[in-house]
Amino acid sequence: MLTLPDLESTYDLLAEALDRVPPARRELLLTKLALLLANELGDRGRIGTLVEAALSDLD
């Protein structure tokens, strides 16, 4: 698990990466990143759980 400072640093890294990509390509960047991270994680069940967690409270 990442510490709170590590999570904040990761958030900043992602925000900066999104700023470097044209708005029309941001969804592609996030999709590519998600697939790369999922491959690193290597656990299909855990990935499914995390997808559901990310979907919660988006309203």
Protein backbone atom coordinates (compact mmCIF):
# COMPACT_ATOMS: atom_id res chain seq x y z
CA MET A 1 0.00 0.00 0.00
CA LEU A 2 1.08 3.53 -0.74
CA THR A 3 1.36 6.08 2.02
CA LEU A 4 -0.76 9.22 1.87
CA PRO A 5 2.22 11.29 0.65
CA ASP A 6 2.89 8.64 -2.03
CA LEU A 7 -0.77 8.77 -3.12
CA GLU A 8 -0.60 12.57 -3.32
CA SER A 9 2.60 12.35 -5.37
CA THR A 10 0.98 9.78 -7.65
CA TYR A 11 -2.06 12.03 -8.09
CA ASP A 12 0.26 14.89 -9.09
CA LEU A 13 2.11 12.63 -11.53
CA LEU A 14 -1.15 11.58 -13.17
CA ALA A 15 -2.45 15.15 -13.32
CA GLU A 16 0.76 16.31 -14.97
CA ALA A 17 0.61 13.45 -17.49
CA LEU A 18 -2.99 14.37 -18.35
CA ASP A 19 -1.94 17.98 -18.87
CA ARG A 20 0.69 16.84 -21.39
CA VAL A 21 -1.89 15.07 -23.57
CA PRO A 22 -4.47 16.79 -25.78
CA PRO A 23 -7.98 16.49 -24.30
CA ALA A 24 -9.09 14.18 -27.11
CA ARG A 25 -6.33 11.68 -26.20
CA ARG A 26 -6.71 11.65 -22.41
CA GLU A 27 -9.12 8.71 -22.40
CA LEU A 28 -6.63 6.71 -24.47
CA LEU A 29 -3.82 7.57 -22.05
CA LEU A 30 -5.89 6.46 -19.06
CA THR A 31 -6.91 3.24 -20.81
CA LYS A 32 -3.31 2.41 -21.70
CA LEU A 33 -2.17 3.18 -18.16
CA ALA A 34 -4.94 1.03 -16.67
CA LEU A 35 -3.95 -1.93 -18.86
CA LEU A 36 -0.26 -1.53 -18.01
CA LEU A 37 -1.04 -1.39 -14.29
CA ALA A 38 -3.43 -4.35 -14.55
CA ASN A 39 -0.70 -6.36 -16.25
CA GLU A 40 1.73 -5.45 -13.46
CA LEU A 41 -0.83 -6.46 -10.84
CA GLY A 42 -1.44 -9.75 -12.62
CA ASP A 43 -4.56 -10.75 -10.66
CA ARG A 44 -7.80 -10.71 -12.69
CA GLY A 45 -9.99 -11.05 -9.62
CA ARG A 46 -8.32 -8.17 -7.83
CA ILE A 47 -8.58 -6.05 -10.98
CA GLY A 48 -12.33 -6.68 -11.09
CA THR A 49 -12.68 -5.67 -7.45
CA LEU A 50 -10.75 -2.46 -8.07
CA VAL A 51 -12.83 -1.64 -11.17
CA GLU A 52 -15.97 -1.94 -9.04
CA ALA A 53 -14.41 0.25 -6.34
CA ALA A 54 -13.54 2.89 -8.94
CA LEU A 55 -17.11 2.82 -10.27
CA SER A 56 -18.61 3.52 -6.86
CA ASP A 57 -19.63 7.04 -5.90
CA LEU A 58 -19.14 8.61 -9.34
CA ASP A 59 -22.42 10.49 -9.15
